[in-house]
Amino acid sequence: MQQKLKKRCGRKMVELTKKIFEEQVLMSKIPVMILFYRKEDAECTKLLESAERIADKMQDKAKICKVDVDQEIALALNYQVMDLPLVVFMNYGIFQERIQGNTEEEILLEKLQKLCDCQGTQQIHF
């Protein structure tokens, strides 16, 4: 079953570690969506499935990443992860927005598309 999923997806999600975070996120020339999750959490699993579909839809327009907070505690602390799941949007290595809790796939896709549409202008939203 896992092999079928890999064949279906056009772009694989990037599993972030502290070691590759700078290269994959901070130096990225395309928008990045990061999902902070825990494997055993049902809400996280649901959002992880949505993130995989978003990665497939966005192809090379944006990078979709995930961080297992149990494995990457330092990254979770850097982004002040208090509740899961957490989605963080970055553009040109600059924080743009964070969404706490389970969120509809369409909303995440819309926010990511908005970042793609404003490539070339660095906007910071608080």
PDB file of N, CA and C in Angstrom:
ATOM      1  N   MET A   1       0.824  -1.201   0.000  1.00  0.00           N
ATOM      2  CA  MET A   1       0.000   0.000   0.000  1.00  0.00           C
ATOM      3  C   MET A   1       0.864   1.260   0.000  1.00  0.00           C
ATOM      4  N   GLN A   2       1.955   1.242   0.756  1.00  0.00           N
ATOM      5  CA  GLN A   2       2.832   2.396   0.808  1.00  0.00           C
ATOM      6  C   GLN A   2       3.491   2.640  -0.548  1.00  0.00           C
ATOM      7  N   GLN A   3       3.779   1.592  -1.301  1.00  0.00           N
ATOM      8  CA  GLN A   3       4.370   1.742  -2.621  1.00  0.00           C
ATOM      9  C   GLN A   3       3.396   2.446  -3.555  1.00  0.00           C
ATOM     10  N   LYS A   4       2.109   2.146  -3.455  1.00  0.00           N
ATOM     11  CA  LYS A   4       1.097   2.796  -4.287  1.00  0.00           C
ATOM     12  C   LYS A   4       1.058   4.295  -3.999  1.00  0.00           C
ATOM     13  N   LEU A   5       1.169   4.662  -2.713  1.00  0.00           N
ATOM     14  CA  LEU A   5       1.154   6.069  -2.342  1.00  0.00           C
ATOM     15  C   LEU A   5       2.349   6.798  -2.951  1.00  0.00           C
ATOM     16  N   LYS A   6       3.519   6.196  -2.906  1.00  0.00           N
ATOM     17  CA  LYS A   6       4.718   6.826  -3.461  1.00  0.00           C
ATOM     18  C   LYS A   6       4.594   7.022  -4.967  1.00  0.00           C
ATOM     19  N   LYS A   7       4.000   6.079  -5.649  1.00  0.00           N
ATOM     20  CA  LYS A   7       3.826   6.201  -7.091  1.00  0.00           C
ATOM     21  C   LYS A   7       2.833   7.299  -7.436  1.00  0.00           C
ATOM     22  N   ARG A   8       1.804   7.463  -6.597  1.00  0.00           N
ATOM     23  CA  ARG A   8       0.751   8.433  -6.863  1.00  0.00           C
ATOM     24  C   ARG A   8       1.231   9.869  -6.645  1.00  0.00           C
ATOM     25  N   CYS A   9       2.045  10.085  -5.638  1.00  0.00           N
ATOM     26  CA  CYS A   9       2.469  11.434  -5.289  1.00  0.00           C
ATOM     27  C   CYS A   9       3.513  11.950  -6.265  1.00  0.00           C
ATOM     28  N   GLY A  10       3.305  13.179  -6.732  1.00  0.00           N
ATOM     29  CA  GLY A  10       4.246  13.790  -7.652  1.00  0.00           C
ATOM     30  C   GLY A  10       5.453  14.374  -6.942  1.00  0.00           C
ATOM     31  N   ARG A  11       5.277  14.849  -5.729  1.00  0.00           N
ATOM     32  CA  ARG A  11       6.376  15.426  -4.958  1.00  0.00           C
ATOM     33  C   ARG A  11       6.300  14.899  -3.534  1.00  0.00           C
ATOM     34  N   LYS A  12       7.408  14.437  -3.056  1.00  0.00           N
ATOM     35  CA  LYS A  12       7.470  13.870  -1.719  1.00  0.00           C
ATOM     36  C   LYS A  12       7.665  14.975  -0.686  1.00  0.00           C
ATOM     37  N   MET A  13       7.055  14.795   0.472  1.00  0.00           N
ATOM     38  CA  MET A  13       7.278  15.720   1.581  1.00  0.00           C
ATOM     39  C   MET A  13       8.697  15.539   2.103  1.00  0.00           C
ATOM     40  N   VAL A  14       9.285  16.617   2.575  1.00  0.00           N
ATOM     41  CA  VAL A  14      10.638  16.583   3.127  1.00  0.00           C
ATOM     42  C   VAL A  14      10.538  16.418   4.639  1.00  0.00           C
ATOM     43  N   GLU A  15      11.198  15.386   5.171  1.00  0.00           N
ATOM     44  CA  GLU A  15      11.263  15.180   6.621  1.00  0.00           C
ATOM     45  C   GLU A  15      12.423  16.032   7.135  1.00  0.00           C
ATOM     46  N   LEU A  16      12.089  17.099   7.858  1.00  0.00           N
ATOM     47  CA  LEU A  16      13.118  18.031   8.315  1.00  0.00           C
ATOM     48  C   LEU A  16      13.807  17.556   9.578  1.00  0.00           C
ATOM     49  N   THR A  17      15.100  17.822   9.606  1.00  0.00           N
ATOM     50  CA  THR A  17      15.911  17.644  10.810  1.00  0.00           C
ATOM     51  C   THR A  17      16.642  18.963  11.032  1.00  0.00           C
ATOM     52  N   LYS A  18      17.178  19.127  12.223  1.00  0.00           N
ATOM     53  CA  LYS A  18      17.932  20.346  12.522  1.00  0.00           C
ATOM     54  C   LYS A  18      19.084  20.524  11.536  1.00  0.00           C
ATOM     55  N   LYS A  19      19.675  19.405  11.129  1.00  0.00           N
ATOM     56  CA  LYS A  19      20.839  19.423  10.241  1.00  0.00           C
ATOM     57  C   LYS A  19      20.521  20.004   8.856  1.00  0.00           C
ATOM     58  N   ILE A  20      19.336  19.714   8.314  1.00  0.00           N
ATOM     59  CA  ILE A  20      19.000  20.178   6.951  1.00  0.00           C
ATOM     60  C   ILE A  20      18.020  21.352   6.938  1.00  0.00           C
ATOM     61  N   PHE A  21      17.623  21.831   8.109  1.00  0.00           N
ATOM     62  CA  PHE A  21      16.615  22.883   8.191  1.00  0.00           C
ATOM     63  C   PHE A  21      17.034  24.156   7.445  1.00  0.00           C
ATOM     64  N   GLU A  22      18.237  24.611   7.667  1.00  0.00           N
ATOM     65  CA  GLU A  22      18.699  25.846   7.030  1.00  0.00           C
ATOM     66  C   GLU A  22      18.653  25.732   5.505  1.00  0.00           C
ATOM     67  N   GLU A  23      19.183  24.639   4.990  1.00  0.00           N
ATOM     68  CA  GLU A  23      19.224  24.435   3.540  1.00  0.00           C
ATOM     69  C   GLU A  23      17.819  24.306   2.942  1.00  0.00           C
ATOM     70  N   GLN A  24      16.966  23.534   3.574  1.00  0.00           N
ATOM     71  CA  GLN A  24      15.644  23.235   3.026  1.00  0.00           C
ATOM     72  C   GLN A  24      14.620  24.346   3.241  1.00  0.00           C
ATOM     73  N   VAL A  25      14.750  25.104   4.331  1.00  0.00           N
ATOM     74  CA  VAL A  25      13.744  26.113   4.665  1.00  0.00           C
ATOM     75  C   VAL A  25      14.291  27.531   4.560  1.00  0.00           C
ATOM     76  N   LEU A  26      15.316  27.828   5.309  1.00  0.00           N
ATOM     77  CA  LEU A  26      15.807  29.207   5.377  1.00  0.00           C
ATOM     78  C   LEU A  26      16.430  29.686   4.066  1.00  0.00           C
ATOM     79  N   MET A  27      16.974  28.779   3.275  1.00  0.00           N
ATOM     80  CA  MET A  27      17.597  29.157   2.003  1.00  0.00           C
ATOM     81  C   MET A  27      16.699  28.857   0.799  1.00  0.00           C
ATOM     82  N   SER A  28      15.484  28.437   1.052  1.00  0.00           N
ATOM     83  CA  SER A  28      14.574  28.071  -0.027  1.00  0.00           C
ATOM     84  C   SER A  28      14.147  29.291  -0.836  1.00  0.00           C
ATOM     85  N   LYS A  29      14.111  29.128  -2.145  1.00  0.00           N
ATOM     86  CA  LYS A  29      13.679  30.206  -3.056  1.00  0.00           C
ATOM     87  C   LYS A  29      12.188  30.098  -3.369  1.00  0.00           C
ATOM     88  N   ILE A  30      11.537  29.079  -2.830  1.00  0.00           N
ATOM     89  CA  ILE A  30      10.094  28.917  -3.005  1.00  0.00           C
ATOM     90  C   ILE A  30       9.445  28.854  -1.624  1.00  0.00           C
ATOM     91  N   PRO A  31       8.150  29.170  -1.527  1.00  0.00           N
ATOM     92  CA  PRO A  31       7.462  29.104  -0.229  1.00  0.00           C
ATOM     93  C   PRO A  31       7.548  27.705   0.382  1.00  0.00           C
ATOM     94  N   VAL A  32       7.558  27.680   1.714  1.00  0.00           N
ATOM     95  CA  VAL A  32       7.660  26.421   2.452  1.00  0.00           C
ATOM     96  C   VAL A  32       6.527  26.340   3.474  1.00  0.00           C
ATOM     97  N   MET A  33       5.871  25.197   3.502  1.00  0.00           N
ATOM     98  CA  MET A  33       4.881  24.894   4.537  1.00  0.00           C
ATOM     99  C   MET A  33       5.464  23.791   5.396  1.00  0.00           C
ATOM    100  N   ILE A  34       5.514  24.018   6.714  1.00  0.00           N
ATOM    101  CA  ILE A  34       6.080  23.042   7.642  1.00  0.00           C
ATOM    102  C   ILE A  34       4.986  22.555   8.582  1.00  0.00           C
ATOM    103  N   LEU A  35       4.823  21.252   8.641  1.00  0.00           N
ATOM    104  CA  LEU A  35       3.868  20.648   9.563  1.00  0.00           C
ATOM    105  C   LEU A  35       4.635  20.027  10.728  1.00  0.00           C
ATOM    106  N   PHE A  36       4.383  20.546  11.927  1.00  0.00           N
ATOM    107  CA  PHE A  36       4.937  19.958  13.142  1.00  0.00           C
ATOM    108  C   PHE A  36       3.900  18.957  13.646  1.00  0.00           C
ATOM    109  N   TYR A  37       4.326  17.708  13.842  1.00  0.00           N
ATOM    110  CA  TYR A  37       3.375  16.651  14.167  1.00  0.00           C
ATOM    111  C   TYR A  37       3.961  15.626  15.135  1.00  0.00           C
ATOM    112  N   ARG A  38       3.073  14.782  15.634  1.00  0.00           N
ATOM    113  CA  ARG A  38       3.450  13.624  16.446  1.00  0.00           C
ATOM    114  C   ARG A  38       2.772  12.412  15.818  1.00  0.00           C
ATOM    115  N   LYS A  39       3.523  11.345  15.603  1.00  0.00           N
ATOM    116  CA  LYS A  39       3.027  10.168  14.893  1.00  0.00           C
ATOM    117  C   LYS A  39       1.786   9.551  15.515  1.00  0.00           C
ATOM    118  N   GLU A  40       1.683   9.527  16.830  1.00  0.00           N
ATOM    119  CA  GLU A  40       0.580   8.841  17.503  1.00  0.00           C
ATOM    120  C   GLU A  40      -0.697   9.679  17.577  1.00  0.00           C
ATOM    121  N   ASP A  41      -0.644  10.931  17.195  1.00  0.00           N
ATOM    122  CA  ASP A  41      -1.779  11.838  17.336  1.00  0.00           C
ATOM    123  C   ASP A  41      -2.712  11.744  16.120  1.00  0.00           C
ATOM    124  N   ALA A  42      -4.001  11.498  16.363  1.00  0.00           N
ATOM    125  CA  ALA A  42      -4.974  11.327  15.282  1.00  0.00           C
ATOM    126  C   ALA A  42      -5.150  12.598  14.452  1.00  0.00           C
ATOM    127  N   GLU A  43      -5.212  13.754  15.094  1.00  0.00           N
ATOM    128  CA  GLU A  43      -5.345  15.024  14.359  1.00  0.00           C
ATOM    129  C   GLU A  43      -4.119  15.266  13.480  1.00  0.00           C
ATOM    130  N   CYS A  44      -2.960  14.953  14.006  1.00  0.00           N
ATOM    131  CA  CYS A  44      -1.722  15.118  13.233  1.00  0.00           C
ATOM    132  C   CYS A  44      -1.724  14.195  12.018  1.00  0.00           C
ATOM    133  N   THR A  45      -2.179  12.980  12.197  1.00  0.00           N
ATOM    134  CA  THR A  45      -2.219  12.013  11.092  1.00  0.00           C
ATOM    135  C   THR A  45      -3.143  12.505   9.987  1.00  0.00           C
ATOM    136  N   LYS A  46      -4.278  13.052  10.370  1.00  0.00           N
ATOM    137  CA  LYS A  46      -5.231  13.582   9.385  1.00  0.00           C
ATOM    138  C   LYS A  46      -4.612  14.749   8.610  1.00  0.00           C
ATOM    139  N   LEU A  47      -3.961  15.652   9.324  1.00  0.00           N
ATOM    140  CA  LEU A  47      -3.349  16.805   8.670  1.00  0.00           C
ATOM    141  C   LEU A  47      -2.140  16.382   7.829  1.00  0.00           C
ATOM    142  N   LEU A  48      -1.445  15.358   8.261  1.00  0.00           N
ATOM    143  CA  LEU A  48      -0.312  14.831   7.492  1.00  0.00           C
ATOM    144  C   LEU A  48      -0.780  14.309   6.137  1.00  0.00           C
ATOM    145  N   GLU A  49      -1.919  13.645   6.112  1.00  0.00           N
ATOM    146  CA  GLU A  49      -2.501  13.163   4.854  1.00  0.00           C
ATOM    147  C   GLU A  49      -2.852  14.335   3.938  1.00  0.00           C
ATOM    148  N   SER A  50      -3.419  15.391   4.510  1.00  0.00           N
ATOM    149  CA  SER A  50      -3.728  16.594   3.726  1.00  0.00           C
ATOM    150  C   SER A  50      -2.453  17.218   3.173  1.00  0.00           C
ATOM    151  N   ALA A  51      -1.417  17.278   4.001  1.00  0.00           N
ATOM    152  CA  ALA A  51      -0.142  17.865   3.572  1.00  0.00           C
ATOM    153  C   ALA A  51       0.467  17.069   2.416  1.00  0.00           C
ATOM    154  N   GLU A  52       0.313  15.754   2.447  1.00  0.00           N
ATOM    155  CA  GLU A  52       0.824  14.924   1.348  1.00  0.00           C
ATOM    156  C   GLU A  52       0.080  15.232   0.046  1.00  0.00           C
ATOM    157  N   ARG A  53      -1.222  15.446   0.130  1.00  0.00           N
ATOM    158  CA  ARG A  53      -1.991  15.803  -1.071  1.00  0.00           C
ATOM    159  C   ARG A  53      -1.600  17.199  -1.568  1.00  0.00           C
ATOM    160  N   ILE A  54      -1.339  18.111  -0.648  1.00  0.00           N
ATOM    161  CA  ILE A  54      -0.905  19.459  -1.021  1.00  0.00           C
ATOM    162  C   ILE A  54       0.445  19.392  -1.728  1.00  0.00           C
ATOM    163  N   ALA A  55       1.350  18.571  -1.218  1.00  0.00           N
ATOM    164  CA  ALA A  55       2.667  18.405  -1.860  1.00  0.00           C
ATOM    165  C   ALA A  55       2.489  17.923  -3.286  1.00  0.00           C
ATOM    166  N   ASP A  56       1.556  17.026  -3.492  1.00  0.00           N
ATOM    167  CA  ASP A  56       1.286  16.496  -4.824  1.00  0.00           C
ATOM    168  C   ASP A  56       0.716  17.583  -5.744  1.00  0.00           C
ATOM    169  N   LYS A  57      -0.163  18.418  -5.207  1.00  0.00           N
ATOM    170  CA  LYS A  57      -0.797  19.474  -6.008  1.00  0.00           C
ATOM    171  C   LYS A  57       0.174  20.611  -6.340  1.00  0.00           C
ATOM    172  N   MET A  58       1.007  20.975  -5.383  1.00  0.00           N
ATOM    173  CA  MET A  58       1.875  22.145  -5.557  1.00  0.00           C
ATOM    174  C   MET A  58       3.113  21.843  -6.398  1.00  0.00           C
ATOM    175  N   GLN A  59       3.514  20.578  -6.474  1.00  0.00           N
ATOM    176  CA  GLN A  59       4.685  20.167  -7.259  1.00  0.00           C
ATOM    177  C   GLN A  59       5.899  21.022  -6.911  1.00  0.00           C
ATOM    178  N   ASP A  60       6.436  21.768  -7.884  1.00  0.00           N
ATOM    179  CA  ASP A  60       7.648  22.557  -7.659  1.00  0.00           C
ATOM    180  C   ASP A  60       7.377  24.011  -7.302  1.00  0.00           C
ATOM    181  N   LYS A  61       6.112  24.371  -7.084  1.00  0.00           N
ATOM    182  CA  LYS A  61       5.765  25.750  -6.732  1.00  0.00           C
ATOM    183  C   LYS A  61       6.048  26.056  -5.269  1.00  0.00           C
ATOM    184  N   ALA A  62       6.003  25.028  -4.424  1.00  0.00           N
ATOM    185  CA  ALA A  62       6.230  25.194  -2.989  1.00  0.00           C
ATOM    186  C   ALA A  62       6.813  23.910  -2.427  1.00  0.00           C
ATOM    187  N   LYS A  63       7.447  24.035  -1.275  1.00  0.00           N
ATOM    188  CA  LYS A  63       8.037  22.874  -0.610  1.00  0.00           C
ATOM    189  C   LYS A  63       7.188  22.562   0.623  1.00  0.00           C
ATOM    190  N   ILE A  64       6.803  21.300   0.756  1.00  0.00           N
ATOM    191  CA  ILE A  64       6.012  20.869   1.902  1.00  0.00           C
ATOM    192  C   ILE A  64       6.899  19.990   2.779  1.00  0.00           C
ATOM    193  N   CYS A  65       7.017  20.388   4.037  1.00  0.00           N
ATOM    194  CA  CYS A  65       7.913  19.698   4.954  1.00  0.00           C
ATOM    195  C   CYS A  65       7.163  19.253   6.206  1.00  0.00           C
ATOM    196  N   LYS A  66       7.769  18.322   6.918  1.00  0.00           N
ATOM    197  CA  LYS A  66       7.190  17.857   8.176  1.00  0.00           C
ATOM    198  C   LYS A  66       8.295  17.697   9.202  1.00  0.00           C
ATOM    199  N   VAL A  67       7.923  17.918  10.464  1.00  0.00           N
ATOM    200  CA  VAL A  67       8.859  17.784  11.575  1.00  0.00           C
ATOM    201  C   VAL A  67       8.201  16.927  12.643  1.00  0.00           C
ATOM    202  N   ASP A  68       8.805  15.793  12.935  1.00  0.00           N
ATOM    203  CA  ASP A  68       8.351  14.932  14.028  1.00  0.00           C
ATOM    204  C   ASP A  68       8.891  15.545  15.316  1.00  0.00           C
ATOM    205  N   VAL A  69       8.008  16.114  16.128  1.00  0.00           N
ATOM    206  CA  VAL A  69       8.448  16.848  17.317  1.00  0.00           C
ATOM    207  C   VAL A  69       9.120  15.950  18.359  1.00  0.00           C
ATOM    208  N   ASP A  70       8.828  14.664  18.331  1.00  0.00           N
ATOM    209  CA  ASP A  70       9.486  13.751  19.269  1.00  0.00           C
ATOM    210  C   ASP A  70      10.928  13.486  18.869  1.00  0.00           C
ATOM    211  N   GLN A  71      11.241  13.597  17.592  1.00  0.00           N
ATOM    212  CA  GLN A  71      12.593  13.375  17.089  1.00  0.00           C
ATOM    213  C   GLN A  71      13.403  14.670  17.005  1.00  0.00           C
ATOM    214  N   GLU A  72      12.724  15.780  16.761  1.00  0.00           N
ATOM    215  CA  GLU A  72      13.399  17.072  16.548  1.00  0.00           C
ATOM    216  C   GLU A  72      12.926  18.101  17.579  1.00  0.00           C
ATOM    217  N   ILE A  73      13.288  17.847  18.821  1.00  0.00           N
ATOM    218  CA  ILE A  73      12.848  18.696  19.935  1.00  0.00           C
ATOM    219  C   ILE A  73      13.356  20.125  19.783  1.00  0.00           C
ATOM    220  N   ALA A  74      14.595  20.303  19.310  1.00  0.00           N
ATOM    221  CA  ALA A  74      15.172  21.648  19.166  1.00  0.00           C
ATOM    222  C   ALA A  74      14.369  22.492  18.169  1.00  0.00           C
ATOM    223  N   LEU A  75      13.961  21.895  17.051  1.00  0.00           N
ATOM    224  CA  LEU A  75      13.147  22.635  16.075  1.00  0.00           C
ATOM    225  C   LEU A  75      11.791  22.999  16.665  1.00  0.00           C
ATOM    226  N   ALA A  76      11.201  22.070  17.409  1.00  0.00           N
ATOM    227  CA  ALA A  76       9.914  22.337  18.050  1.00  0.00           C
ATOM    228  C   ALA A  76      10.033  23.491  19.046  1.00  0.00           C
ATOM    229  N   LEU A  77      11.116  23.532  19.789  1.00  0.00           N
ATOM    230  CA  LEU A  77      11.336  24.623  20.741  1.00  0.00           C
ATOM    231  C   LEU A  77      11.570  25.946  20.027  1.00  0.00           C
ATOM    232  N   ASN A  78      12.340  25.932  18.936  1.00  0.00           N
ATOM    233  CA  ASN A  78      12.603  27.158  18.173  1.00  0.00           C
ATOM    234  C   ASN A  78      11.324  27.806  17.668  1.00  0.00           C
ATOM    235  N   TYR A  79      10.345  26.979  17.305  1.00  0.00           N
ATOM    236  CA  TYR A  79       9.081  27.499  16.775  1.00  0.00           C
ATOM    237  C   TYR A  79       7.973  27.498  17.811  1.00  0.00           C
ATOM    238  N   GLN A  80       8.362  27.379  19.071  1.00  0.00           N
ATOM    239  CA  GLN A  80       7.451  27.458  20.206  1.00  0.00           C
ATOM    240  C   GLN A  80       6.202  26.608  20.007  1.00  0.00           C
ATOM    241  N   VAL A  81       6.428  25.358  19.647  1.00  0.00           N
ATOM    242  CA  VAL A  81       5.324  24.428  19.455  1.00  0.00           C
ATOM    243  C   VAL A  81       4.767  24.053  20.823  1.00  0.00           C
ATOM    244  N   MET A  82       3.534  24.474  21.072  1.00  0.00           N
ATOM    245  CA  MET A  82       2.875  24.196  22.344  1.00  0.00           C
ATOM    246  C   MET A  82       1.737  23.202  22.164  1.00  0.00           C
ATOM    247  N   ASP A  83       1.134  23.221  20.998  1.00  0.00           N
ATOM    248  CA  ASP A  83      -0.010  22.380  20.688  1.00  0.00           C
ATOM    249  C   ASP A  83       0.180  21.798  19.302  1.00  0.00           C
ATOM    250  N   LEU A  84      -0.342  20.614  19.096  1.00  0.00           N
ATOM    251  CA  LEU A  84      -0.212  19.964  17.795  1.00  0.00           C
ATOM    252  C   LEU A  84      -1.582  19.684  17.208  1.00  0.00           C
ATOM    253  N   PRO A  85      -1.654  19.639  15.904  1.00  0.00           N
ATOM    254  CA  PRO A  85      -0.606  19.951  14.931  1.00  0.00           C
ATOM    255  C   PRO A  85      -0.406  21.464  14.800  1.00  0.00           C
ATOM    256  N   LEU A  86       0.747  21.825  14.261  1.00  0.00           N
ATOM    257  CA  LEU A  86       1.079  23.224  13.987  1.00  0.00           C
ATOM    258  C   LEU A  86       1.622  23.303  12.565  1.00  0.00           C
ATOM    259  N   VAL A  87       1.117  24.273  11.814  1.00  0.00           N
ATOM    260  CA  VAL A  87       1.604  24.516  10.455  1.00  0.00           C
ATOM    261  C   VAL A  87       2.239  25.903  10.426  1.00  0.00           C
ATOM    262  N   VAL A  88       3.453  25.975   9.893  1.00  0.00           N
ATOM    263  CA  VAL A  88       4.185  27.242   9.773  1.00  0.00           C
ATOM    264  C   VAL A  88       4.459  27.483   8.293  1.00  0.00           C
ATOM    265  N   PHE A  89       4.224  28.713   7.851  1.00  0.00           N
ATOM    266  CA  PHE A  89       4.503  29.107   6.470  1.00  0.00           C
ATOM    267  C   PHE A  89       5.700  30.036   6.456  1.00  0.00           C
ATOM    268  N   MET A  90       6.633  29.759   5.544  1.00  0.00           N
ATOM    269  CA  MET A  90       7.842  30.560   5.378  1.00  0.00           C
ATOM    270  C   MET A  90       7.961  30.960   3.910  1.00  0.00           C
ATOM    271  N   ASN A  91       8.566  32.122   3.671  1.00  0.00           N
ATOM    272  CA  ASN A  91       8.827  32.558   2.307  1.00  0.00           C
ATOM    273  C   ASN A  91      10.185  33.242   2.288  1.00  0.00           C
ATOM    274  N   TYR A  92      11.088  32.773   1.455  1.00  0.00           N
ATOM    275  CA  TYR A  92      12.471  33.266   1.404  1.00  0.00           C
ATOM    276  C   TYR A  92      13.126  33.197   2.782  1.00  0.00           C
ATOM    277  N   GLY A  93      12.806  32.165   3.549  1.00  0.00           N
ATOM    278  CA  GLY A  93      13.391  31.981   4.866  1.00  0.00           C
ATOM    279  C   GLY A  93      12.809  32.862   5.949  1.00  0.00           C
ATOM    280  N   ILE A  94      11.777  33.613   5.620  1.00  0.00           N
ATOM    281  CA  ILE A  94      11.154  34.528   6.580  1.00  0.00           C
ATOM    282  C   ILE A  94       9.804  33.971   7.011  1.00  0.00           C
ATOM    283  N   PHE A  95       9.607  33.950   8.326  1.00  0.00           N
ATOM    284  CA  PHE A  95       8.335  33.501   8.880  1.00  0.00           C
ATOM    285  C   PHE A  95       7.195  34.360   8.339  1.00  0.00           C
ATOM    286  N   GLN A  96       6.103  33.704   7.935  1.00  0.00           N
ATOM    287  CA  GLN A  96       4.947  34.415   7.413  1.00  0.00           C
ATOM    288  C   GLN A  96       3.715  34.253   8.302  1.00  0.00           C
ATOM    289  N   GLU A  97       3.457  33.003   8.698  1.00  0.00           N
ATOM    290  CA  GLU A  97       2.219  32.746   9.445  1.00  0.00           C
ATOM    291  C   GLU A  97       2.297  31.372  10.099  1.00  0.00           C
ATOM    292  N   ARG A  98       1.500  31.197  11.156  1.00  0.00           N
ATOM    293  CA  ARG A  98       1.371  29.897  11.795  1.00  0.00           C
ATOM    294  C   ARG A  98      -0.093  29.622  12.064  1.00  0.00           C
ATOM    295  N   ILE A  99      -0.464  28.346  11.921  1.00  0.00           N
ATOM    296  CA  ILE A  99      -1.839  27.927  12.170  1.00  0.00           C
ATOM    297  C   ILE A  99      -1.794  26.754  13.142  1.00  0.00           C
ATOM    298  N   GLN A 100      -2.436  26.944  14.280  1.00  0.00           N
ATOM    299  CA  GLN A 100      -2.465  25.935  15.336  1.00  0.00           C
ATOM    300  C   GLN A 100      -3.707  25.064  15.180  1.00  0.00           C
ATOM    301  N   GLY A 101      -3.551  23.768  15.353  1.00  0.00           N
ATOM    302  CA  GLY A 101      -4.688  22.857  15.337  1.00  0.00           C
ATOM    303  C   GLY A 101      -5.009  22.346  13.947  1.00  0.00           C
ATOM    304  N   ASN A 102      -6.004  21.485  13.893  1.00  0.00           N
ATOM    305  CA  ASN A 102      -6.393  20.880  12.625  1.00  0.00           C
ATOM    306  C   ASN A 102      -7.063  21.917  11.736  1.00  0.00           C
ATOM    307  N   THR A 103      -6.658  21.990  10.494  1.00  0.00           N
ATOM    308  CA  THR A 103      -7.142  22.995   9.550  1.00  0.00           C
ATOM    309  C   THR A 103      -7.533  22.312   8.251  1.00  0.00           C
ATOM    310  N   GLU A 104      -8.559  22.834   7.617  1.00  0.00           N
ATOM    311  CA  GLU A 104      -9.019  22.279   6.347  1.00  0.00           C
ATOM    312  C   GLU A 104      -7.917  22.381   5.294  1.00  0.00           C
ATOM    313  N   GLU A 105      -7.824  21.353   4.483  1.00  0.00           N
ATOM    314  CA  GLU A 105      -6.825  21.292   3.418  1.00  0.00           C
ATOM    315  C   GLU A 105      -6.941  22.487   2.471  1.00  0.00           C
ATOM    316  N   GLU A 106      -8.152  22.891   2.150  1.00  0.00           N
ATOM    317  CA  GLU A 106      -8.374  24.002   1.221  1.00  0.00           C
ATOM    318  C   GLU A 106      -7.802  25.312   1.765  1.00  0.00           C
ATOM    319  N   ILE A 107      -7.910  25.512   3.076  1.00  0.00           N
ATOM    320  CA  ILE A 107      -7.379  26.738   3.691  1.00  0.00           C
ATOM    321  C   ILE A 107      -5.855  26.754   3.604  1.00  0.00           C
ATOM    322  N   LEU A 108      -5.228  25.618   3.895  1.00  0.00           N
ATOM    323  CA  LEU A 108      -3.764  25.536   3.800  1.00  0.00           C
ATOM    324  C   LEU A 108      -3.301  25.765   2.366  1.00  0.00           C
ATOM    325  N   LEU A 109      -3.999  25.153   1.435  1.00  0.00           N
ATOM    326  CA  LEU A 109      -3.654  25.293   0.019  1.00  0.00           C
ATOM    327  C   LEU A 109      -3.806  26.742  -0.435  1.00  0.00           C
ATOM    328  N   GLU A 110      -4.860  27.401   0.028  1.00  0.00           N
ATOM    329  CA  GLU A 110      -5.099  28.806  -0.322  1.00  0.00           C
ATOM    330  C   GLU A 110      -3.989  29.716   0.211  1.00  0.00           C
ATOM    331  N   LYS A 111      -3.583  29.496   1.455  1.00  0.00           N
ATOM    332  CA  LYS A 111      -2.524  30.317   2.053  1.00  0.00           C
ATOM    333  C   LYS A 111      -1.191  30.090   1.342  1.00  0.00           C
ATOM    334  N   LEU A 112      -0.918  28.853   0.994  1.00  0.00           N
ATOM    335  CA  LEU A 112       0.314  28.528   0.283  1.00  0.00           C
ATOM    336  C   LEU A 112       0.308  29.125  -1.121  1.00  0.00           C
ATOM    337  N   GLN A 113      -0.835  29.043  -1.787  1.00  0.00           N
ATOM    338  CA  GLN A 113      -0.960  29.607  -3.133  1.00  0.00           C
ATOM    339  C   GLN A 113      -0.761  31.119  -3.103  1.00  0.00           C
ATOM    340  N   LYS A 114      -1.263  31.755  -2.058  1.00  0.00           N
ATOM    341  CA  LYS A 114      -1.093  33.199  -1.900  1.00  0.00           C
ATOM    342  C   LYS A 114       0.393  33.562  -1.792  1.00  0.00           C
ATOM    343  N   LEU A 115       1.152  32.754  -1.065  1.00  0.00           N
ATOM    344  CA  LEU A 115       2.602  32.984  -0.968  1.00  0.00           C
ATOM    345  C   LEU A 115       3.276  32.783  -2.319  1.00  0.00           C
ATOM    346  N   CYS A 116       2.823  31.786  -3.061  1.00  0.00           N
ATOM    347  CA  CYS A 116       3.386  31.540  -4.401  1.00  0.00           C
ATOM    348  C   CYS A 116       3.092  32.706  -5.332  1.00  0.00           C
ATOM    349  N   ASP A 117       1.897  33.258  -5.207  1.00  0.00           N
ATOM    350  CA  ASP A 117       1.488  34.369  -6.066  1.00  0.00           C
ATOM    351  C   ASP A 117       2.267  35.643  -5.782  1.00  0.00           C
ATOM    352  N   CYS A 118       2.751  35.799  -4.548  1.00  0.00           N
ATOM    353  CA  CYS A 118       3.485  37.030  -4.219  1.00  0.00           C
ATOM    354  C   CYS A 118       4.983  36.792  -4.183  1.00  0.00           C
ATOM    355  N   GLN A 119       5.466  35.771  -4.896  1.00  0.00           N
ATOM    356  CA  GLN A 119       6.899  35.542  -5.018  1.00  0.00           C
ATOM    357  C   GLN A 119       7.554  36.822  -5.529  1.00  0.00           C
ATOM    358  N   GLY A 120       8.661  37.171  -4.916  1.00  0.00           N
ATOM    359  CA  GLY A 120       9.356  38.385  -5.328  1.00  0.00           C
ATOM    360  C   GLY A 120       9.090  39.542  -4.376  1.00  0.00           C
ATOM    361  N   THR A 121       8.003  39.443  -3.607  1.00  0.00           N
ATOM    362  CA  THR A 121       7.740  40.461  -2.588  1.00  0.00           C
ATOM    363  C   THR A 121       7.734  39.762  -1.245  1.00  0.00           C
ATOM    364  N   GLN A 122       8.486  40.261  -0.331  1.00  0.00           N
ATOM    365  CA  GLN A 122       8.564  39.635   0.992  1.00  0.00           C
ATOM    366  C   GLN A 122       7.586  40.327   1.920  1.00  0.00           C
ATOM    367  N   GLN A 123       6.526  39.612   2.267  1.00  0.00           N
ATOM    368  CA  GLN A 123       5.536  40.159   3.177  1.00  0.00           C
ATOM    369  C   GLN A 123       5.581  39.372   4.476  1.00  0.00           C
ATOM    370  N   ILE A 124       5.526  40.098   5.568  1.00  0.00           N
ATOM    371  CA  ILE A 124       5.517  39.431   6.867  1.00  0.00           C
ATOM    372  C   ILE A 124       4.165  39.690   7.502  1.00  0.00           C
ATOM    373  N   HIS A 125       3.497  38.602   7.935  1.00  0.00           N
ATOM    374  CA  HIS A 125       2.186  38.700   8.565  1.00  0.00           C
ATOM    375  C   HIS A 125       2.286  38.203   9.994  1.00  0.00           C
ATOM    376  N   PHE A 126       1.757  38.988  10.921  1.00  0.00           N
ATOM    377  CA  PHE A 126       1.782  38.594  12.330  1.00  0.00           C
ATOM    378  C   PHE A 126       0.397  38.327  12.822  1.00  0.00           C
TER     379      PHE A 126
END
